[in-house]
Amino acid sequence: QMGVRRLEYVYGFHGCDKSVAQGVLEKKSVMLSSDNDYDWLGSGIYFWEEAPARAYEWAQWKFKKNAAVIGAKIRLGQCLNLLDVAAYKPLRDTFEVLKASGRKLPTNTKYYHRLDCFVINTATDYAAKVLGKPYDTVRCPFLEGEPVFPDSKLYDKSHIQIAVRNHAALVELFPVDVSEIA
């Protein structure tokens, strides 16, 4: 098993369109999983951990004046926690099995993480279907953006991303006042 059973809670922030935020917060709709073949952490509902400003920045880029942010209290539960080195060996093993199959594997580019997505989805599907231990969440740090100053290894858009695979991990959803972020 690739993760450690975690009972801790974290707060995550999801950038979206105002109409989506309104529907979800009024319980007229549910948050939908992103199932693109290029999603960094595989299928899931994506959140920036403890980063409402980053979620809002992304939402502004994507939805312009209709940007909104939903906050969530997330129970990590059974988490593929890629902040821990122990989680990487099973992903390497999954990749090696896929490569040995002779199948043409997808590739990663700067913005499209098709190979990462494929390997994570394959590994988490195996955990769920074969081992009977589905993951609630996948969590990973990402270095992103530009160096904060010359020769810095700190990047101005770095964050921890969480892909929520199990809706039950969303303990609480709440509105975020974006006027307090900007």
C-alpha atoms as a PDB file:
ATOM      1  CA  GLN A   1       0.000   0.000   0.000  1.00  0.00           C
ATOM      2  CA  MET A   2       1.394   3.373  -1.042  1.00  0.00           C
ATOM      3  CA  GLY A   3       0.025   5.632   1.648  1.00  0.00           C
ATOM      4  CA  VAL A   4      -0.314   5.905   5.343  1.00  0.00           C
ATOM      5  CA  ARG A   5      -3.744   6.012   6.945  1.00  0.00           C
ATOM      6  CA  ARG A   6      -4.079   9.622   7.985  1.00  0.00           C
ATOM      7  CA  LEU A   7      -6.784  11.103  10.103  1.00  0.00           C
ATOM      8  CA  GLU A   8      -5.521  14.649   9.917  1.00  0.00           C
ATOM      9  CA  TYR A   9      -7.485  17.453   8.411  1.00  0.00           C
ATOM     10  CA  VAL A  10      -6.181  20.146   6.107  1.00  0.00           C
ATOM     11  CA  TYR A  11      -7.802  23.154   4.509  1.00  0.00           C
ATOM     12  CA  GLY A  12      -7.858  23.373   0.764  1.00  0.00           C
ATOM     13  CA  PHE A  13      -9.064  25.980  -1.700  1.00  0.00           C
ATOM     14  CA  HIS A  14     -10.675  25.324  -5.076  1.00  0.00           C
ATOM     15  CA  GLY A  15     -10.737  27.996  -7.776  1.00  0.00           C
ATOM     16  CA  CYS A  16     -13.851  27.968  -9.925  1.00  0.00           C
ATOM     17  CA  ASP A  17     -16.516  30.005 -11.689  1.00  0.00           C
ATOM     18  CA  LYS A  18     -18.925  31.984  -9.444  1.00  0.00           C
ATOM     19  CA  SER A  19     -21.933  30.015 -10.715  1.00  0.00           C
ATOM     20  CA  VAL A  20     -20.236  26.727  -9.782  1.00  0.00           C
ATOM     21  CA  ALA A  21     -19.361  28.031  -6.311  1.00  0.00           C
ATOM     22  CA  GLN A  22     -22.913  29.237  -5.763  1.00  0.00           C
ATOM     23  CA  GLY A  23     -24.462  25.938  -6.864  1.00  0.00           C
ATOM     24  CA  VAL A  24     -22.118  23.866  -4.706  1.00  0.00           C
ATOM     25  CA  LEU A  25     -22.434  26.062  -1.611  1.00  0.00           C
ATOM     26  CA  GLU A  26     -26.239  26.166  -1.948  1.00  0.00           C
ATOM     27  CA  LYS A  27     -26.172  22.358  -2.307  1.00  0.00           C
ATOM     28  CA  LYS A  28     -27.849  22.522  -5.715  1.00  0.00           C
ATOM     29  CA  SER A  29     -24.890  20.732  -7.299  1.00  0.00           C
ATOM     30  CA  VAL A  30     -21.814  18.772  -6.252  1.00  0.00           C
ATOM     31  CA  MET A  31     -18.170  19.346  -7.003  1.00  0.00           C
ATOM     32  CA  LEU A  32     -17.133  17.320 -10.022  1.00  0.00           C
ATOM     33  CA  SER A  33     -13.971  15.299 -10.350  1.00  0.00           C
ATOM     34  CA  SER A  34     -11.526  16.391 -13.003  1.00  0.00           C
ATOM     35  CA  ASP A  35     -10.759  13.391 -15.188  1.00  0.00           C
ATOM     36  CA  ASN A  36      -8.519  14.948 -17.825  1.00  0.00           C
ATOM     37  CA  ASP A  37      -5.710  12.715 -19.075  1.00  0.00           C
ATOM     38  CA  TYR A  38      -3.218  15.437 -18.121  1.00  0.00           C
ATOM     39  CA  ASP A  39      -4.203  16.134 -14.505  1.00  0.00           C
ATOM     40  CA  TRP A  40      -1.029  16.109 -12.395  1.00  0.00           C
ATOM     41  CA  LEU A  41      -2.332  13.851  -9.640  1.00  0.00           C
ATOM     42  CA  GLY A  42      -4.800  11.781 -11.615  1.00  0.00           C
ATOM     43  CA  SER A  43      -8.557  11.970 -11.241  1.00  0.00           C
ATOM     44  CA  GLY A  44      -9.998  14.070  -8.443  1.00  0.00           C
ATOM     45  CA  ILE A  45     -11.316  17.408  -7.256  1.00  0.00           C
ATOM     46  CA  TYR A  46      -8.286  19.692  -7.057  1.00  0.00           C
ATOM     47  CA  PHE A  47      -7.457  21.958  -4.117  1.00  0.00           C
ATOM     48  CA  TRP A  48      -4.537  24.188  -3.181  1.00  0.00           C
ATOM     49  CA  GLU A  49      -3.640  23.307   0.404  1.00  0.00           C
ATOM     50  CA  GLU A  50      -3.669  26.366   2.693  1.00  0.00           C
ATOM     51  CA  ALA A  51      -3.433  28.652  -0.369  1.00  0.00           C
ATOM     52  CA  PRO A  52      -6.606  30.670  -1.043  1.00  0.00           C
ATOM     53  CA  ALA A  53      -4.649  33.365  -2.900  1.00  0.00           C
ATOM     54  CA  ARG A  54      -3.199  30.785  -5.314  1.00  0.00           C
ATOM     55  CA  ALA A  55      -6.661  29.310  -5.898  1.00  0.00           C
ATOM     56  CA  TYR A  56      -8.032  32.776  -6.609  1.00  0.00           C
ATOM     57  CA  GLU A  57      -5.129  33.661  -8.905  1.00  0.00           C
ATOM     58  CA  TRP A  58      -5.782  30.490 -10.930  1.00  0.00           C
ATOM     59  CA  ALA A  59      -9.549  31.156 -10.996  1.00  0.00           C
ATOM     60  CA  GLN A  60      -8.922  34.699 -12.277  1.00  0.00           C
ATOM     61  CA  TRP A  61      -6.723  33.323 -15.054  1.00  0.00           C
ATOM     62  CA  LYS A  62      -9.364  30.737 -15.994  1.00  0.00           C
ATOM     63  CA  PHE A  63     -12.659  32.563 -15.336  1.00  0.00           C
ATOM     64  CA  LYS A  64     -11.649  36.248 -15.435  1.00  0.00           C
ATOM     65  CA  LYS A  65     -14.270  38.417 -13.639  1.00  0.00           C
ATOM     66  CA  ASN A  66     -16.330  35.350 -12.694  1.00  0.00           C
ATOM     67  CA  ALA A  67     -13.576  33.928 -10.462  1.00  0.00           C
ATOM     68  CA  ALA A  68     -14.551  32.426  -7.127  1.00  0.00           C
ATOM     69  CA  VAL A  69     -12.989  30.218  -4.473  1.00  0.00           C
ATOM     70  CA  ILE A  70     -14.538  27.454  -2.399  1.00  0.00           C
ATOM     71  CA  GLY A  71     -12.828  26.503   0.843  1.00  0.00           C
ATOM     72  CA  ALA A  72     -12.902  22.960   2.173  1.00  0.00           C
ATOM     73  CA  LYS A  73     -11.984  21.129   5.323  1.00  0.00           C
ATOM     74  CA  ILE A  74     -10.504  17.915   3.939  1.00  0.00           C
ATOM     75  CA  ARG A  75      -9.940  14.667   5.816  1.00  0.00           C
ATOM     76  CA  LEU A  76      -6.923  13.190   4.064  1.00  0.00           C
ATOM     77  CA  GLY A  77      -7.934   9.669   5.108  1.00  0.00           C
ATOM     78  CA  GLN A  78      -6.198   7.026   3.008  1.00  0.00           C
ATOM     79  CA  CYS A  79      -3.790   9.407   1.314  1.00  0.00           C
ATOM     80  CA  LEU A  80      -1.212   8.819  -1.381  1.00  0.00           C
ATOM     81  CA  ASN A  81       1.021  11.334   0.320  1.00  0.00           C
ATOM     82  CA  LEU A  82       3.734  12.331  -2.119  1.00  0.00           C
ATOM     83  CA  LEU A  83       5.298  14.545   0.541  1.00  0.00           C
ATOM     84  CA  ASP A  84       6.683  11.276   1.955  1.00  0.00           C
ATOM     85  CA  VAL A  85       9.471   9.451   0.113  1.00  0.00           C
ATOM     86  CA  ALA A  86       7.860   6.063   0.860  1.00  0.00           C
ATOM     87  CA  ALA A  87       5.101   6.793  -1.669  1.00  0.00           C
ATOM     88  CA  TYR A  88       7.458   7.026  -4.638  1.00  0.00           C
ATOM     89  CA  LYS A  89       8.719   3.428  -4.796  1.00  0.00           C
ATOM     90  CA  PRO A  90       5.296   1.986  -5.673  1.00  0.00           C
ATOM     91  CA  LEU A  91       4.886   4.655  -8.357  1.00  0.00           C
ATOM     92  CA  ARG A  92       8.282   3.731  -9.827  1.00  0.00           C
ATOM     93  CA  ASP A  93       7.257   0.053  -9.712  1.00  0.00           C
ATOM     94  CA  THR A  94       3.958   0.844 -11.445  1.00  0.00           C
ATOM     95  CA  PHE A  95       5.822   2.747 -14.154  1.00  0.00           C
ATOM     96  CA  GLU A  96       8.244  -0.169 -14.690  1.00  0.00           C
ATOM     97  CA  VAL A  97       5.359  -2.651 -15.045  1.00  0.00           C
ATOM     98  CA  LEU A  98       3.629  -0.348 -17.537  1.00  0.00           C
ATOM     99  CA  LYS A  99       6.845   0.171 -19.503  1.00  0.00           C
ATOM    100  CA  ALA A 100       7.551  -3.591 -19.589  1.00  0.00           C
ATOM    101  CA  SER A 101       4.042  -4.210 -20.972  1.00  0.00           C
ATOM    102  CA  GLY A 102       5.212  -2.837 -24.315  1.00  0.00           C
ATOM    103  CA  ARG A 103       2.337  -0.394 -24.364  1.00  0.00           C
ATOM    104  CA  LYS A 104       3.035   3.076 -25.745  1.00  0.00           C
ATOM    105  CA  LEU A 105       2.945   5.326 -22.706  1.00  0.00           C
ATOM    106  CA  PRO A 106       1.792   8.932 -22.683  1.00  0.00           C
ATOM    107  CA  THR A 107       4.380  11.667 -22.227  1.00  0.00           C
ATOM    108  CA  ASN A 108       4.637  14.716 -19.988  1.00  0.00           C
ATOM    109  CA  THR A 109       5.123  18.237 -21.266  1.00  0.00           C
ATOM    110  CA  LYS A 110       5.540  21.485 -19.377  1.00  0.00           C
ATOM    111  CA  TYR A 111       1.786  21.903 -18.835  1.00  0.00           C
ATOM    112  CA  TYR A 112       0.323  18.489 -19.558  1.00  0.00           C
ATOM    113  CA  HIS A 113       1.242  15.693 -17.172  1.00  0.00           C
ATOM    114  CA  ARG A 114      -0.224  12.767 -19.081  1.00  0.00           C
ATOM    115  CA  LEU A 115       2.370  10.209 -17.957  1.00  0.00           C
ATOM    116  CA  ASP A 116       2.141  11.224 -14.289  1.00  0.00           C
ATOM    117  CA  CYS A 117      -1.650  11.086 -14.501  1.00  0.00           C
ATOM    118  CA  PHE A 118      -1.602   7.661 -16.137  1.00  0.00           C
ATOM    119  CA  VAL A 119       0.827   6.173 -13.600  1.00  0.00           C
ATOM    120  CA  ILE A 120      -1.029   7.598 -10.587  1.00  0.00           C
ATOM    121  CA  ASN A 121      -4.433   6.514 -11.903  1.00  0.00           C
ATOM    122  CA  THR A 122      -3.080   3.018 -12.652  1.00  0.00           C
ATOM    123  CA  ALA A 123      -1.494   2.704  -9.201  1.00  0.00           C
ATOM    124  CA  THR A 124      -4.548   4.012  -7.344  1.00  0.00           C
ATOM    125  CA  ASP A 125      -6.931   1.857  -9.416  1.00  0.00           C
ATOM    126  CA  TYR A 126      -4.803  -1.179  -8.528  1.00  0.00           C
ATOM    127  CA  ALA A 127      -4.933  -0.249  -4.833  1.00  0.00           C
ATOM    128  CA  ALA A 128      -8.721   0.071  -4.997  1.00  0.00           C
ATOM    129  CA  LYS A 129      -9.618  -2.892  -7.213  1.00  0.00           C
ATOM    130  CA  VAL A 130      -6.969  -5.463  -6.324  1.00  0.00           C
ATOM    131  CA  LEU A 131      -5.949  -4.540  -2.787  1.00  0.00           C
ATOM    132  CA  GLY A 132      -9.376  -3.261  -1.726  1.00  0.00           C
ATOM    133  CA  LYS A 133      -7.822  -0.059  -0.336  1.00  0.00           C
ATOM    134  CA  PRO A 134      -9.024   2.923  -2.338  1.00  0.00           C
ATOM    135  CA  TYR A 135      -7.395   6.286  -1.834  1.00  0.00           C
ATOM    136  CA  ASP A 136      -9.426   9.191  -0.526  1.00  0.00           C
ATOM    137  CA  THR A 137      -6.834  11.781  -1.516  1.00  0.00           C
ATOM    138  CA  VAL A 138      -3.567  12.289  -3.390  1.00  0.00           C
ATOM    139  CA  ARG A 139      -1.274  15.041  -2.111  1.00  0.00           C
ATOM    140  CA  CYS A 140       1.903  16.434  -3.672  1.00  0.00           C
ATOM    141  CA  PRO A 141       4.152  19.507  -3.597  1.00  0.00           C
ATOM    142  CA  PHE A 142       4.796  21.373  -6.836  1.00  0.00           C
ATOM    143  CA  LEU A 143       7.530  23.846  -7.634  1.00  0.00           C
ATOM    144  CA  GLU A 144       5.965  26.264 -10.029  1.00  0.00           C
ATOM    145  CA  GLY A 145       6.456  29.778 -11.287  1.00  0.00           C
ATOM    146  CA  GLU A 146       9.543  31.961 -11.364  1.00  0.00           C
ATOM    147  CA  PRO A 147      12.402  32.200  -8.866  1.00  0.00           C
ATOM    148  CA  VAL A 148      11.552  34.709  -6.127  1.00  0.00           C
ATOM    149  CA  PHE A 149      14.934  36.407  -6.628  1.00  0.00           C
ATOM    150  CA  PRO A 150      18.043  35.638  -8.738  1.00  0.00           C
ATOM    151  CA  ASP A 151      19.547  32.181  -8.012  1.00  0.00           C
ATOM    152  CA  SER A 152      16.663  31.351  -5.662  1.00  0.00           C
ATOM    153  CA  LYS A 153      15.256  27.835  -5.433  1.00  0.00           C
ATOM    154  CA  LEU A 154      12.017  29.326  -4.074  1.00  0.00           C
ATOM    155  CA  TYR A 155       9.361  29.706  -6.761  1.00  0.00           C
ATOM    156  CA  ASP A 156       6.520  32.195  -6.567  1.00  0.00           C
ATOM    157  CA  LYS A 157       3.696  29.768  -7.435  1.00  0.00           C
ATOM    158  CA  SER A 158       4.872  26.717  -5.482  1.00  0.00           C
ATOM    159  CA  HIS A 159       2.164  24.906  -3.579  1.00  0.00           C
ATOM    160  CA  ILE A 160       0.821  21.653  -2.230  1.00  0.00           C
ATOM    161  CA  GLN A 161      -1.957  20.256  -4.367  1.00  0.00           C
ATOM    162  CA  ILE A 162      -4.583  17.781  -3.211  1.00  0.00           C
ATOM    163  CA  ALA A 163      -6.749  15.695  -5.513  1.00  0.00           C
ATOM    164  CA  VAL A 164      -9.788  14.508  -3.591  1.00  0.00           C
ATOM    165  CA  ARG A 165     -10.876  11.156  -5.026  1.00  0.00           C
ATOM    166  CA  ASN A 166     -13.584  10.385  -2.450  1.00  0.00           C
ATOM    167  CA  HIS A 167     -16.327  13.008  -1.897  1.00  0.00           C
ATOM    168  CA  ALA A 168     -16.649  11.844   1.725  1.00  0.00           C
ATOM    169  CA  ALA A 169     -13.214  13.399   2.363  1.00  0.00           C
ATOM    170  CA  LEU A 170     -14.835  16.821   1.937  1.00  0.00           C
ATOM    171  CA  VAL A 171     -15.914  17.322   5.539  1.00  0.00           C
ATOM    172  CA  GLU A 172     -17.039  20.905   5.132  1.00  0.00           C
ATOM    173  CA  LEU A 173     -17.319  23.377   2.257  1.00  0.00           C
ATOM    174  CA  PHE A 174     -17.421  27.113   2.830  1.00  0.00           C
ATOM    175  CA  PRO A 175     -17.384  30.339   0.802  1.00  0.00           C
ATOM    176  CA  VAL A 176     -14.206  32.388   0.558  1.00  0.00           C
ATOM    177  CA  ASP A 177     -14.474  36.163   0.438  1.00  0.00           C
ATOM    178  CA  VAL A 178     -12.116  36.900  -2.440  1.00  0.00           C
ATOM    179  CA  SER A 179     -12.098  40.621  -1.592  1.00  0.00           C
ATOM    180  CA  GLU A 180     -10.003  39.691   1.445  1.00  0.00           C
ATOM    181  CA  ILE A 181      -7.481  37.822  -0.734  1.00  0.00           C
ATOM    182  CA  ALA A 182      -6.583  40.463  -3.311  1.00  0.00           C
END
